[in-house]
Amino acid sequence: MTLEKFNEQKAKFHEQENDVLAVQTELNKAKNILKALENEKAEFVTRQKEKLAEVGTLSADEYVEIKNKNSGLQARIEYYQALIVDLENKLYAEQENLSNQQKELKAIRGKILSHNAEELFNQFIQQNKETLGKLYCLLAYSGEFKPDRNLTDETKEQMILRHLTQRISDHIETNHLLDKDFSLYSEQLAGFTTKSPSALHREKFESQKPTGLTELINNL
């Protein structure tokens, strides 16, 4: 898999991020409107109760006006409650799509990075082969590596190679940051988890039941 192909797939990944963000923005807007409507209705009902307590009575026309106002607010509340259900389902579908794209990209990235690591390793060996050989030679004749057959089955060669491996390991920077071009983090997936098999099975069983705006209209 070439870097060009990775970049093409990543561009689609960013497009999907925008799709998720658009739905999330719409969902947040709907939730804010719902909260405002619920507050408006609560305040309206409170005012009418206070007014009735003060006046002691009301006419039929006044009651009809109050009833219509309250029903109108309730209808809007029910609409946005249903809309939020639809938007939450849509958001999950978009995030799931984004998550799947991220997984595919990670697999592609893994192959590219593995290939790059192999090339870099081969380059490192070619450039330092003579130095490594000289290091081994110096240590082999230093007289410092004398395996005790009563304590270990390790050979002199194995002792030296282990020593070299440890010395090299001590100087490897293990918290090196990955090139940002290969970063696949997405804020649009923060806190997102895919549904469990049992949840998916339950949804499949309940999928025949209308939800959201469809359910709202069916209940008219």
N, C-alpha and C. Protein backbone atom coordinates (compact mmCIF):
# COMPACT_ATOMS: atom_id res chain seq x y z
N MET A 1 0.85 -1.18 0.00
CA MET A 1 0.00 0.00 0.00
C MET A 1 0.89 1.24 0.00
N THR A 2 0.71 2.11 -0.99
CA THR A 2 1.58 3.27 -1.13
C THR A 2 1.12 4.41 -0.23
N LEU A 3 2.04 5.35 -0.03
CA LEU A 3 1.72 6.53 0.77
C LEU A 3 0.64 7.35 0.08
N GLU A 4 0.67 7.37 -1.24
CA GLU A 4 -0.34 8.11 -2.00
C GLU A 4 -1.74 7.57 -1.71
N LYS A 5 -1.85 6.24 -1.67
CA LYS A 5 -3.14 5.61 -1.38
C LYS A 5 -3.58 5.93 0.04
N PHE A 6 -2.63 5.94 0.96
CA PHE A 6 -2.93 6.27 2.35
C PHE A 6 -3.49 7.68 2.45
N ASN A 7 -2.86 8.61 1.75
CA ASN A 7 -3.31 10.00 1.78
C ASN A 7 -4.69 10.17 1.16
N GLU A 8 -4.98 9.38 0.13
CA GLU A 8 -6.30 9.43 -0.49
C GLU A 8 -7.36 8.96 0.51
N GLN A 9 -7.06 7.88 1.20
CA GLN A 9 -7.99 7.35 2.19
C GLN A 9 -8.14 8.30 3.37
N LYS A 10 -7.05 8.96 3.73
CA LYS A 10 -7.10 9.88 4.86
C LYS A 10 -7.94 11.11 4.52
N ALA A 11 -7.90 11.54 3.26
CA ALA A 11 -8.72 12.67 2.82
C ALA A 11 -10.21 12.33 2.98
N LYS A 12 -10.57 11.10 2.64
CA LYS A 12 -11.95 10.64 2.81
C LYS A 12 -12.31 10.57 4.30
N PHE A 13 -11.31 10.20 5.11
CA PHE A 13 -11.50 10.14 6.56
C PHE A 13 -11.84 11.52 7.11
N HIS A 14 -11.14 12.54 6.63
CA HIS A 14 -11.40 13.91 7.08
C HIS A 14 -12.77 14.39 6.60
N GLU A 15 -13.18 13.97 5.42
CA GLU A 15 -14.51 14.31 4.92
C GLU A 15 -15.58 13.71 5.82
N GLN A 16 -15.34 12.48 6.25
CA GLN A 16 -16.29 11.82 7.14
C GLN A 16 -16.32 12.51 8.50
N GLU A 17 -15.18 13.02 8.94
CA GLU A 17 -15.14 13.79 10.19
C GLU A 17 -16.08 14.99 10.10
N ASN A 18 -16.07 15.66 8.96
CA ASN A 18 -16.94 16.82 8.76
C ASN A 18 -18.41 16.41 8.78
N ASP A 19 -18.71 15.24 8.23
CA ASP A 19 -20.09 14.74 8.24
C ASP A 19 -20.55 14.49 9.68
N VAL A 20 -19.66 13.91 10.48
CA VAL A 20 -19.98 13.66 11.89
C VAL A 20 -20.20 14.98 12.62
N LEU A 21 -19.31 15.94 12.37
CA LEU A 21 -19.41 17.24 13.03
C LEU A 21 -20.72 17.94 12.67
N ALA A 22 -21.14 17.82 11.41
CA ALA A 22 -22.38 18.46 10.97
C ALA A 22 -23.59 17.90 11.72
N VAL A 23 -23.63 16.58 11.87
CA VAL A 23 -24.74 15.94 12.59
C VAL A 23 -24.69 16.31 14.07
N GLN A 24 -23.48 16.32 14.64
CA GLN A 24 -23.33 16.67 16.05
C GLN A 24 -23.80 18.10 16.31
N THR A 25 -23.47 19.01 15.40
CA THR A 25 -23.90 20.40 15.52
C THR A 25 -25.42 20.50 15.47
N GLU A 26 -26.02 19.78 14.54
CA GLU A 26 -27.48 19.77 14.41
C GLU A 26 -28.13 19.18 15.67
N LEU A 27 -27.52 18.14 16.22
CA LEU A 27 -28.05 17.51 17.43
C LEU A 27 -27.97 18.46 18.62
N ASN A 28 -26.84 19.13 18.77
CA ASN A 28 -26.67 20.08 19.87
C ASN A 28 -27.70 21.21 19.78
N LYS A 29 -27.94 21.68 18.55
CA LYS A 29 -28.92 22.74 18.34
C LYS A 29 -30.31 22.28 18.75
N ALA A 30 -30.67 21.06 18.35
CA ALA A 30 -31.99 20.51 18.70
C ALA A 30 -32.14 20.36 20.21
N LYS A 31 -31.08 19.94 20.88
CA LYS A 31 -31.13 19.78 22.34
C LYS A 31 -31.31 21.12 23.04
N ASN A 32 -30.64 22.15 22.53
CA ASN A 32 -30.77 23.48 23.11
C ASN A 32 -32.18 24.03 22.93
N ILE A 33 -32.75 23.81 21.75
CA ILE A 33 -34.12 24.26 21.49
C ILE A 33 -35.10 23.53 22.40
N LEU A 34 -34.90 22.22 22.55
CA LEU A 34 -35.78 21.43 23.42
C LEU A 34 -35.73 21.94 24.85
N LYS A 35 -34.54 22.22 25.34
CA LYS A 35 -34.40 22.72 26.70
C LYS A 35 -35.12 24.05 26.87
N ALA A 36 -34.99 24.92 25.86
CA ALA A 36 -35.65 26.23 25.91
C ALA A 36 -37.16 26.08 25.91
N LEU A 37 -37.67 25.16 25.09
CA LEU A 37 -39.12 24.93 25.03
C LEU A 37 -39.65 24.36 26.34
N GLU A 38 -38.90 23.44 26.93
CA GLU A 38 -39.33 22.86 28.21
C GLU A 38 -39.37 23.93 29.30
N ASN A 39 -38.39 24.83 29.28
CA ASN A 39 -38.38 25.92 30.25
C ASN A 39 -39.54 26.88 30.01
N GLU A 40 -39.79 27.16 28.72
CA GLU A 40 -40.89 28.07 28.37
C GLU A 40 -42.23 27.49 28.82
N LYS A 41 -42.42 26.20 28.60
CA LYS A 41 -43.68 25.57 29.00
C LYS A 41 -43.84 25.58 30.52
N ALA A 42 -42.78 25.26 31.23
CA ALA A 42 -42.84 25.23 32.69
C ALA A 42 -43.17 26.62 33.24
N GLU A 43 -42.55 27.64 32.67
CA GLU A 43 -42.81 29.01 33.11
C GLU A 43 -44.24 29.43 32.77
N PHE A 44 -44.72 29.01 31.60
CA PHE A 44 -46.08 29.35 31.17
C PHE A 44 -47.10 28.73 32.12
N VAL A 45 -46.93 27.46 32.43
CA VAL A 45 -47.86 26.78 33.34
C VAL A 45 -47.84 27.44 34.72
N THR A 46 -46.66 27.80 35.19
CA THR A 46 -46.54 28.45 36.50
C THR A 46 -47.28 29.78 36.50
N ARG A 47 -47.12 30.55 35.43
CA ARG A 47 -47.79 31.86 35.34
C ARG A 47 -49.31 31.70 35.36
N GLN A 48 -49.80 30.70 34.63
CA GLN A 48 -51.26 30.50 34.58
C GLN A 48 -51.81 30.08 35.93
N LYS A 49 -51.07 29.25 36.65
CA LYS A 49 -51.50 28.83 37.98
C LYS A 49 -51.54 30.02 38.94
N GLU A 50 -50.52 30.85 38.84
CA GLU A 50 -50.46 32.03 39.71
C GLU A 50 -51.58 33.00 39.38
N LYS A 51 -51.85 33.14 38.07
CA LYS A 51 -52.92 34.05 37.64
C LYS A 51 -54.27 33.56 38.12
N LEU A 52 -54.50 32.24 38.00
CA LEU A 52 -55.77 31.68 38.45
C LEU A 52 -55.93 31.83 39.96
N ALA A 53 -54.85 31.64 40.68
CA ALA A 53 -54.90 31.78 42.14
C ALA A 53 -55.22 33.22 42.52
N GLU A 54 -54.76 34.16 41.71
CA GLU A 54 -54.98 35.57 42.01
C GLU A 54 -56.40 36.01 41.64
N VAL A 55 -56.86 35.58 40.43
CA VAL A 55 -58.17 36.01 39.94
C VAL A 55 -59.29 35.12 40.47
N GLY A 56 -59.02 33.85 40.56
CA GLY A 56 -60.00 32.92 41.10
C GLY A 56 -60.86 32.24 40.07
N THR A 57 -60.84 32.73 38.82
CA THR A 57 -61.65 32.12 37.77
C THR A 57 -61.10 32.50 36.41
N LEU A 58 -61.64 31.90 35.36
CA LEU A 58 -61.28 32.26 33.99
C LEU A 58 -62.42 31.85 33.08
N SER A 59 -62.50 32.52 31.93
CA SER A 59 -63.57 32.25 30.99
C SER A 59 -63.22 31.05 30.12
N ALA A 60 -64.23 30.57 29.39
CA ALA A 60 -64.01 29.45 28.48
C ALA A 60 -63.01 29.83 27.39
N ASP A 61 -63.14 31.04 26.87
CA ASP A 61 -62.21 31.49 25.82
C ASP A 61 -60.79 31.57 26.36
N GLU A 62 -60.65 32.03 27.60
CA GLU A 62 -59.32 32.12 28.20
C GLU A 62 -58.71 30.72 28.37
N TYR A 63 -59.57 29.79 28.79
CA TYR A 63 -59.07 28.41 28.95
C TYR A 63 -58.64 27.82 27.62
N VAL A 64 -59.46 28.05 26.56
CA VAL A 64 -59.12 27.54 25.22
C VAL A 64 -57.79 28.13 24.76
N GLU A 65 -57.61 29.41 25.01
CA GLU A 65 -56.36 30.08 24.61
C GLU A 65 -55.17 29.48 25.36
N ILE A 66 -55.35 29.26 26.66
CA ILE A 66 -54.28 28.65 27.47
C ILE A 66 -54.00 27.23 27.01
N LYS A 67 -55.09 26.49 26.77
CA LYS A 67 -54.95 25.10 26.34
C LYS A 67 -54.21 25.00 25.01
N ASN A 68 -54.58 25.86 24.07
CA ASN A 68 -53.93 25.85 22.75
C ASN A 68 -52.46 26.22 22.86
N LYS A 69 -52.17 27.21 23.69
CA LYS A 69 -50.78 27.63 23.88
C LYS A 69 -49.96 26.49 24.48
N ASN A 70 -50.51 25.85 25.50
CA ASN A 70 -49.82 24.74 26.15
C ASN A 70 -49.65 23.55 25.20
N SER A 71 -50.71 23.26 24.43
CA SER A 71 -50.64 22.15 23.47
C SER A 71 -49.61 22.43 22.38
N GLY A 72 -49.55 23.70 21.96
CA GLY A 72 -48.57 24.07 20.94
C GLY A 72 -47.15 23.87 21.43
N LEU A 73 -46.90 24.26 22.67
CA LEU A 73 -45.57 24.07 23.25
C LEU A 73 -45.25 22.59 23.41
N GLN A 74 -46.25 21.81 23.85
CA GLN A 74 -46.04 20.38 24.03
C GLN A 74 -45.75 19.70 22.70
N ALA A 75 -46.46 20.13 21.65
CA ALA A 75 -46.25 19.56 20.32
C ALA A 75 -44.83 19.83 19.83
N ARG A 76 -44.35 21.04 20.07
CA ARG A 76 -42.98 21.38 19.68
C ARG A 76 -41.97 20.57 20.49
N ILE A 77 -42.26 20.38 21.77
CA ILE A 77 -41.38 19.56 22.61
C ILE A 77 -41.31 18.13 22.09
N GLU A 78 -42.46 17.58 21.76
CA GLU A 78 -42.50 16.20 21.24
C GLU A 78 -41.77 16.10 19.91
N TYR A 79 -41.90 17.15 19.09
CA TYR A 79 -41.20 17.15 17.80
C TYR A 79 -39.69 17.07 18.00
N TYR A 80 -39.16 17.93 18.85
CA TYR A 80 -37.71 17.96 19.05
C TYR A 80 -37.21 16.73 19.80
N GLN A 81 -38.04 16.15 20.65
CA GLN A 81 -37.66 14.89 21.29
C GLN A 81 -37.51 13.79 20.25
N ALA A 82 -38.45 13.76 19.30
CA ALA A 82 -38.38 12.76 18.23
C ALA A 82 -37.22 13.03 17.29
N LEU A 83 -37.01 14.32 16.99
CA LEU A 83 -35.90 14.69 16.10
C LEU A 83 -34.56 14.29 16.72
N ILE A 84 -34.43 14.48 18.01
CA ILE A 84 -33.18 14.12 18.71
C ILE A 84 -32.92 12.63 18.62
N VAL A 85 -33.97 11.81 18.73
CA VAL A 85 -33.81 10.36 18.59
C VAL A 85 -33.24 10.03 17.21
N ASP A 86 -33.82 10.65 16.17
CA ASP A 86 -33.33 10.41 14.81
C ASP A 86 -31.89 10.87 14.63
N LEU A 87 -31.59 12.04 15.18
CA LEU A 87 -30.24 12.59 15.03
C LEU A 87 -29.21 11.77 15.80
N GLU A 88 -29.59 11.26 16.96
CA GLU A 88 -28.67 10.41 17.73
C GLU A 88 -28.37 9.12 16.98
N ASN A 89 -29.39 8.55 16.35
CA ASN A 89 -29.17 7.35 15.54
C ASN A 89 -28.28 7.66 14.33
N LYS A 90 -28.53 8.81 13.72
CA LYS A 90 -27.73 9.21 12.56
C LYS A 90 -26.29 9.48 12.97
N LEU A 91 -26.11 10.11 14.13
CA LEU A 91 -24.77 10.41 14.62
C LEU A 91 -23.99 9.13 14.87
N TYR A 92 -24.64 8.14 15.49
CA TYR A 92 -23.95 6.87 15.74
C TYR A 92 -23.52 6.23 14.43
N ALA A 93 -24.41 6.24 13.44
CA ALA A 93 -24.08 5.63 12.15
C ALA A 93 -22.89 6.33 11.50
N GLU A 94 -22.86 7.66 11.59
CA GLU A 94 -21.75 8.42 11.00
C GLU A 94 -20.45 8.17 11.77
N GLN A 95 -20.53 8.10 13.09
CA GLN A 95 -19.34 7.83 13.90
C GLN A 95 -18.84 6.41 13.68
N GLU A 96 -19.75 5.48 13.53
CA GLU A 96 -19.35 4.09 13.27
C GLU A 96 -18.62 4.00 11.94
N ASN A 97 -19.13 4.72 10.95
CA ASN A 97 -18.47 4.77 9.64
C ASN A 97 -17.07 5.36 9.77
N LEU A 98 -16.97 6.44 10.54
CA LEU A 98 -15.67 7.08 10.76
C LEU A 98 -14.72 6.14 11.49
N SER A 99 -15.23 5.42 12.48
CA SER A 99 -14.41 4.47 13.24
C SER A 99 -13.91 3.35 12.34
N ASN A 100 -14.76 2.86 11.46
CA ASN A 100 -14.34 1.80 10.53
C ASN A 100 -13.27 2.30 9.57
N GLN A 101 -13.42 3.54 9.10
CA GLN A 101 -12.40 4.12 8.22
C GLN A 101 -11.08 4.27 8.97
N GLN A 102 -11.17 4.65 10.24
CA GLN A 102 -9.96 4.80 11.04
C GLN A 102 -9.23 3.46 11.19
N LYS A 103 -9.99 2.39 11.42
CA LYS A 103 -9.40 1.05 11.55
C LYS A 103 -8.71 0.64 10.25
N GLU A 104 -9.36 0.90 9.12
CA GLU A 104 -8.78 0.56 7.83
C GLU A 104 -7.49 1.35 7.60
N LEU A 105 -7.53 2.63 7.96
CA LEU A 105 -6.34 3.47 7.79
C LEU A 105 -5.19 3.01 8.69
N LYS A 106 -5.51 2.57 9.89
CA LYS A 106 -4.47 2.08 10.80
C LYS A 106 -3.80 0.84 10.23
N ALA A 107 -4.59 0.00 9.57
CA ALA A 107 -4.02 -1.21 8.96
C ALA A 107 -3.10 -0.82 7.81
N ILE A 108 -3.53 0.14 7.00
CA ILE A 108 -2.71 0.62 5.88
C ILE A 108 -1.44 1.28 6.42
N ARG A 109 -1.62 2.13 7.44
CA ARG A 109 -0.48 2.81 8.04
C ARG A 109 0.52 1.82 8.61
N GLY A 110 0.02 0.76 9.21
CA GLY A 110 0.90 -0.25 9.80
C GLY A 110 1.82 -0.87 8.77
N LYS A 111 1.27 -1.16 7.58
CA LYS A 111 2.09 -1.76 6.52
C LYS A 111 3.14 -0.77 6.02
N ILE A 112 2.74 0.49 5.89
CA ILE A 112 3.68 1.52 5.42
C ILE A 112 4.81 1.71 6.43
N LEU A 113 4.45 1.83 7.71
CA LEU A 113 5.45 2.06 8.75
C LEU A 113 6.37 0.86 8.90
N SER A 114 5.82 -0.34 8.77
CA SER A 114 6.64 -1.55 8.85
C SER A 114 7.66 -1.57 7.71
N HIS A 115 7.20 -1.20 6.52
CA HIS A 115 8.09 -1.15 5.36
C HIS A 115 9.17 -0.09 5.56
N ASN A 116 8.77 1.09 6.05
CA ASN A 116 9.73 2.17 6.28
C ASN A 116 10.75 1.79 7.35
N ALA A 117 10.27 1.10 8.38
CA ALA A 117 11.17 0.67 9.46
C ALA A 117 12.20 -0.32 8.94
N GLU A 118 11.77 -1.23 8.08
CA GLU A 118 12.68 -2.22 7.51
C GLU A 118 13.74 -1.55 6.65
N GLU A 119 13.32 -0.57 5.86
CA GLU A 119 14.28 0.16 5.01
C GLU A 119 15.28 0.93 5.87
N LEU A 120 14.78 1.58 6.92
CA LEU A 120 15.65 2.37 7.79
C LEU A 120 16.61 1.46 8.55
N PHE A 121 16.13 0.31 8.96
CA PHE A 121 16.98 -0.64 9.67
C PHE A 121 18.10 -1.14 8.77
N ASN A 122 17.75 -1.49 7.54
CA ASN A 122 18.76 -1.96 6.59
C ASN A 122 19.79 -0.88 6.31
N GLN A 123 19.32 0.35 6.22
CA GLN A 123 20.23 1.48 6.01
C GLN A 123 21.17 1.65 7.20
N PHE A 124 20.60 1.52 8.40
CA PHE A 124 21.39 1.64 9.62
C PHE A 124 22.47 0.56 9.68
N ILE A 125 22.09 -0.67 9.35
CA ILE A 125 23.04 -1.78 9.38
C ILE A 125 24.16 -1.57 8.38
N GLN A 126 23.81 -1.15 7.17
CA GLN A 126 24.83 -0.94 6.14
C GLN A 126 25.81 0.15 6.55
N GLN A 127 25.29 1.19 7.19
CA GLN A 127 26.14 2.31 7.57
C GLN A 127 27.00 1.99 8.80
N ASN A 128 26.54 1.06 9.63
CA ASN A 128 27.24 0.80 10.89
C ASN A 128 27.76 -0.63 11.03
N LYS A 129 27.68 -1.39 9.94
CA LYS A 129 28.09 -2.79 9.99
C LYS A 129 29.55 -2.93 10.42
N GLU A 130 30.40 -2.13 9.86
CA GLU A 130 31.83 -2.21 10.19
C GLU A 130 32.07 -1.83 11.64
N THR A 131 31.39 -0.77 12.10
CA THR A 131 31.55 -0.33 13.49
C THR A 131 31.07 -1.39 14.47
N LEU A 132 29.95 -2.00 14.16
CA LEU A 132 29.41 -3.05 15.03
C LEU A 132 30.36 -4.25 15.09
N GLY A 133 30.92 -4.59 13.94
CA GLY A 133 31.87 -5.70 13.89
C GLY A 133 33.12 -5.39 14.70
N LYS A 134 33.56 -4.14 14.62
CA LYS A 134 34.75 -3.74 15.37
C LYS A 134 34.47 -3.77 16.87
N LEU A 135 33.28 -3.32 17.26
CA LEU A 135 32.89 -3.36 18.66
C LEU A 135 32.92 -4.79 19.19
N TYR A 136 32.40 -5.70 18.40
CA TYR A 136 32.37 -7.10 18.82
C TYR A 136 33.79 -7.63 18.98
N CYS A 137 34.63 -7.28 18.02
CA CYS A 137 36.01 -7.76 18.05
C CYS A 137 36.74 -7.26 19.30
N LEU A 138 36.58 -5.97 19.60
CA LEU A 138 37.23 -5.38 20.77
C LEU A 138 36.78 -6.06 22.06
N LEU A 139 35.48 -6.30 22.16
CA LEU A 139 34.95 -6.93 23.36
C LEU A 139 35.38 -8.40 23.46
N ALA A 140 35.46 -9.05 22.31
CA ALA A 140 35.84 -10.47 22.30
C ALA A 140 37.26 -10.67 22.81
N TYR A 141 38.13 -9.71 22.50
CA TYR A 141 39.53 -9.83 22.92
C TYR A 141 39.82 -9.06 24.21
N SER A 142 38.79 -8.47 24.80
CA SER A 142 39.01 -7.68 26.02
C SER A 142 39.25 -8.57 27.24
N GLY A 143 38.82 -9.80 27.15
CA GLY A 143 38.98 -10.71 28.28
C GLY A 143 37.92 -10.54 29.35
N GLU A 144 36.94 -9.66 29.12
CA GLU A 144 35.91 -9.39 30.12
C GLU A 144 34.75 -10.39 30.06
N PHE A 145 34.68 -11.13 28.96
CA PHE A 145 33.53 -12.02 28.79
C PHE A 145 34.00 -13.48 28.85
N LYS A 146 33.83 -14.04 30.04
CA LYS A 146 34.24 -15.42 30.28
C LYS A 146 33.08 -16.17 30.95
N PRO A 147 32.25 -16.81 30.15
CA PRO A 147 31.09 -17.52 30.73
C PRO A 147 31.51 -18.65 31.66
N ASP A 148 30.86 -18.70 32.81
CA ASP A 148 31.12 -19.76 33.79
C ASP A 148 30.18 -20.92 33.49
N ARG A 149 30.74 -22.04 33.05
CA ARG A 149 29.93 -23.18 32.66
C ARG A 149 29.13 -23.76 33.83
N ASN A 150 29.55 -23.44 35.04
CA ASN A 150 28.82 -23.93 36.21
C ASN A 150 27.56 -23.09 36.50
N LEU A 151 27.52 -21.89 35.89
CA LEU A 151 26.40 -20.99 36.15
C LEU A 151 25.49 -20.76 34.95
N THR A 152 26.03 -20.92 33.76
CA THR A 152 25.23 -20.62 32.57
C THR A 152 25.65 -21.47 31.37
N ASP A 153 24.71 -21.65 30.48
CA ASP A 153 25.00 -22.35 29.22
C ASP A 153 25.30 -21.35 28.11
N GLU A 154 25.29 -20.07 28.46
CA GLU A 154 25.51 -19.01 27.48
C GLU A 154 26.95 -19.04 26.99
N THR A 155 27.14 -18.91 25.68
CA THR A 155 28.48 -18.89 25.11
C THR A 155 29.07 -17.49 25.20
N LYS A 156 30.37 -17.40 24.93
CA LYS A 156 31.04 -16.10 24.94
C LYS A 156 30.41 -15.18 23.90
N GLU A 157 30.13 -15.72 22.73
CA GLU A 157 29.51 -14.93 21.67
C GLU A 157 28.14 -14.41 22.10
N GLN A 158 27.36 -15.25 22.74
CA GLN A 158 26.03 -14.84 23.19
C GLN A 158 26.12 -13.76 24.27
N MET A 159 27.13 -13.87 25.14
CA MET A 159 27.31 -12.87 26.19
C MET A 159 27.63 -11.51 25.59
N ILE A 160 28.50 -11.50 24.59
CA ILE A 160 28.90 -10.24 23.96
C ILE A 160 27.72 -9.63 23.21
N LEU A 161 27.00 -10.45 22.47
CA LEU A 161 25.85 -9.95 21.70
C LEU A 161 24.76 -9.41 22.64
N ARG A 162 24.57 -10.09 23.75
CA ARG A 162 23.59 -9.61 24.73
C ARG A 162 24.03 -8.27 25.31
N HIS A 163 25.31 -8.16 25.59
CA HIS A 163 25.86 -6.91 26.11
C HIS A 163 25.67 -5.77 25.10
N LEU A 164 26.00 -6.04 23.84
CA LEU A 164 25.83 -5.02 22.80
C LEU A 164 24.36 -4.62 22.64
N THR A 165 23.49 -5.62 22.67
CA THR A 165 22.06 -5.35 22.54
C THR A 165 21.57 -4.45 23.67
N GLN A 166 22.03 -4.73 24.89
CA GLN A 166 21.62 -3.94 26.04
C GLN A 166 22.15 -2.51 25.94
N ARG A 167 23.40 -2.36 25.53
CA ARG A 167 24.00 -1.03 25.42
C ARG A 167 23.27 -0.20 24.37
N ILE A 168 22.95 -0.83 23.25
CA ILE A 168 22.22 -0.12 22.20
C ILE A 168 20.82 0.23 22.67
N SER A 169 20.16 -0.71 23.35
CA SER A 169 18.80 -0.48 23.85
C SER A 169 18.74 0.69 24.80
N ASP A 170 19.79 0.85 25.60
CA ASP A 170 19.84 1.94 26.57
C ASP A 170 19.82 3.31 25.91
N HIS A 171 20.17 3.38 24.64
CA HIS A 171 20.26 4.67 23.95
C HIS A 171 19.16 4.86 22.90
N ILE A 172 18.19 3.99 22.92
CA ILE A 172 17.07 4.13 21.99
C ILE A 172 15.98 5.00 22.63
N GLU A 173 15.60 6.07 21.96
CA GLU A 173 14.55 6.96 22.44
C GLU A 173 13.19 6.30 22.18
N THR A 174 12.53 5.88 23.25
CA THR A 174 11.29 5.11 23.08
C THR A 174 10.03 5.98 23.06
N ASN A 175 10.16 7.29 23.32
CA ASN A 175 8.98 8.15 23.29
C ASN A 175 9.01 9.11 22.10
N HIS A 176 9.64 8.66 21.04
CA HIS A 176 9.70 9.47 19.82
C HIS A 176 8.30 9.61 19.24
N LEU A 177 7.94 10.83 18.83
CA LEU A 177 6.59 11.09 18.31
C LEU A 177 6.47 10.69 16.85
N LEU A 178 5.33 10.14 16.52
CA LEU A 178 5.06 9.76 15.14
C LEU A 178 4.83 11.01 14.30
N ASP A 179 5.29 10.98 13.07
CA ASP A 179 5.06 12.08 12.14
C ASP A 179 3.57 12.41 12.11
N LYS A 180 3.25 13.71 12.24
CA LYS A 180 1.84 14.11 12.31
C LYS A 180 1.06 13.74 11.05
N ASP A 181 1.75 13.54 9.94
CA ASP A 181 1.07 13.13 8.71
C ASP A 181 0.45 11.75 8.84
N PHE A 182 0.96 10.97 9.79
CA PHE A 182 0.43 9.62 10.00
C PHE A 182 -0.55 9.56 11.18
N SER A 183 -0.80 10.71 11.81
CA SER A 183 -1.73 10.73 12.94
C SER A 183 -3.15 10.48 12.46
N LEU A 184 -3.87 9.63 13.20
CA LEU A 184 -5.25 9.29 12.83
C LEU A 184 -6.22 9.58 13.98
N TYR A 185 -5.77 10.42 14.92
CA TYR A 185 -6.66 10.79 16.03
C TYR A 185 -7.79 11.67 15.51
N SER A 186 -8.97 11.48 16.05
CA SER A 186 -10.12 12.29 15.66
C SER A 186 -10.93 12.68 16.89
N GLU A 187 -11.14 13.98 17.08
CA GLU A 187 -11.97 14.45 18.18
C GLU A 187 -13.41 13.98 18.02
N GLN A 188 -13.79 13.70 16.79
CA GLN A 188 -15.16 13.27 16.53
C GLN A 188 -15.42 11.84 17.02
N LEU A 189 -14.36 11.16 17.45
CA LEU A 189 -14.52 9.81 17.99
C LEU A 189 -14.22 9.77 19.49
N ALA A 190 -13.99 10.95 20.08
CA ALA A 190 -13.70 11.01 21.51
C ALA A 190 -14.91 10.51 22.30
N GLY A 191 -14.71 9.49 23.09
CA GLY A 191 -15.79 8.93 23.89
C GLY A 191 -16.69 7.97 23.14
N PHE A 192 -16.43 7.77 21.84
CA PHE A 192 -17.28 6.88 21.05
C PHE A 192 -16.88 5.42 21.26
N THR A 193 -17.86 4.58 21.47
CA THR A 193 -17.63 3.13 21.55
C THR A 193 -18.69 2.43 20.70
N THR A 194 -18.27 1.40 20.01
CA THR A 194 -19.22 0.67 19.18
C THR A 194 -20.17 -0.12 20.08
N LYS A 195 -21.35 -0.35 19.60
CA LYS A 195 -22.36 -1.06 20.37
C LYS A 195 -21.98 -2.53 20.51
N SER A 196 -22.35 -3.10 21.64
CA SER A 196 -22.05 -4.51 21.91
C SER A 196 -22.92 -5.40 21.02
N PRO A 197 -22.49 -6.64 20.80
CA PRO A 197 -23.29 -7.58 20.00
C PRO A 197 -24.71 -7.73 20.53
N SER A 198 -24.86 -7.74 21.86
CA SER A 198 -26.20 -7.89 22.44
C SER A 198 -27.07 -6.67 22.14
N ALA A 199 -26.45 -5.49 22.18
CA ALA A 199 -27.20 -4.27 21.87
C ALA A 199 -27.61 -4.25 20.41
N LEU A 200 -26.72 -4.68 19.53
CA LEU A 200 -27.03 -4.74 18.10
C LEU A 200 -28.14 -5.75 17.84
N HIS A 201 -28.08 -6.88 18.54
CA HIS A 201 -29.13 -7.90 18.38
C HIS A 201 -30.48 -7.35 18.83
N ARG A 202 -30.47 -6.63 19.94
CA ARG A 202 -31.71 -6.05 20.46
C ARG A 202 -32.27 -5.01 19.49
N GLU A 203 -31.38 -4.19 18.92
CA GLU A 203 -31.82 -3.18 17.96
C GLU A 203 -32.39 -3.82 16.71
N LYS A 204 -31.76 -4.91 16.28
CA LYS A 204 -32.26 -5.60 15.09
C LYS A 204 -33.65 -6.15 15.35
N PHE A 205 -33.87 -6.65 16.56
CA PHE A 205 -35.18 -7.19 16.93
C PHE A 205 -36.23 -6.08 16.99
N GLU A 206 -35.78 -4.88 17.43
CA GLU A 206 -36.72 -3.77 17.59
C GLU A 206 -36.77 -2.86 16.36
N SER A 207 -36.00 -3.19 15.34
CA SER A 207 -35.90 -2.31 14.17
C SER A 207 -37.22 -2.14 13.43
N GLN A 208 -38.13 -3.09 13.60
CA GLN A 208 -39.42 -2.99 12.93
C GLN A 208 -40.33 -1.95 13.59
N LYS A 209 -39.98 -1.57 14.81
CA LYS A 209 -40.77 -0.56 15.50
C LYS A 209 -40.33 0.83 15.04
N PRO A 210 -41.28 1.70 14.68
CA PRO A 210 -40.91 3.05 14.25
C PRO A 210 -40.36 3.87 15.41
N THR A 211 -39.44 4.75 15.13
CA THR A 211 -38.87 5.62 16.15
C THR A 211 -38.78 7.04 15.61
N GLY A 212 -38.47 7.96 16.50
CA GLY A 212 -38.25 9.34 16.08
C GLY A 212 -39.48 9.98 15.46
N LEU A 213 -39.25 10.71 14.38
CA LEU A 213 -40.34 11.44 13.72
C LEU A 213 -41.37 10.49 13.13
N THR A 214 -40.93 9.32 12.67
CA THR A 214 -41.88 8.34 12.12
C THR A 214 -42.87 7.90 13.18
N GLU A 215 -42.36 7.60 14.36
CA GLU A 215 -43.24 7.21 15.47
C GLU A 215 -44.16 8.36 15.86
N LEU A 216 -43.62 9.57 15.85
CA LEU A 216 -44.41 10.75 16.22
C LEU A 216 -45.61 10.92 15.30
N ILE A 217 -45.38 10.80 14.00
CA ILE A 217 -46.46 10.95 13.02
C ILE A 217 -47.45 9.79 13.12
N ASN A 218 -46.93 8.59 13.33
CA ASN A 218 -47.81 7.43 13.43
C ASN A 218 -48.75 7.52 14.62
N ASN A 219 -48.33 8.26 15.64
CA ASN A 219 -49.15 8.37 16.86
C ASN A 219 -50.17 9.50 16.80
N LEU A 220 -50.23 10.19 15.66
CA LEU A 220 -51.22 11.27 15.53
C LEU A 220 -52.63 10.70 15.54
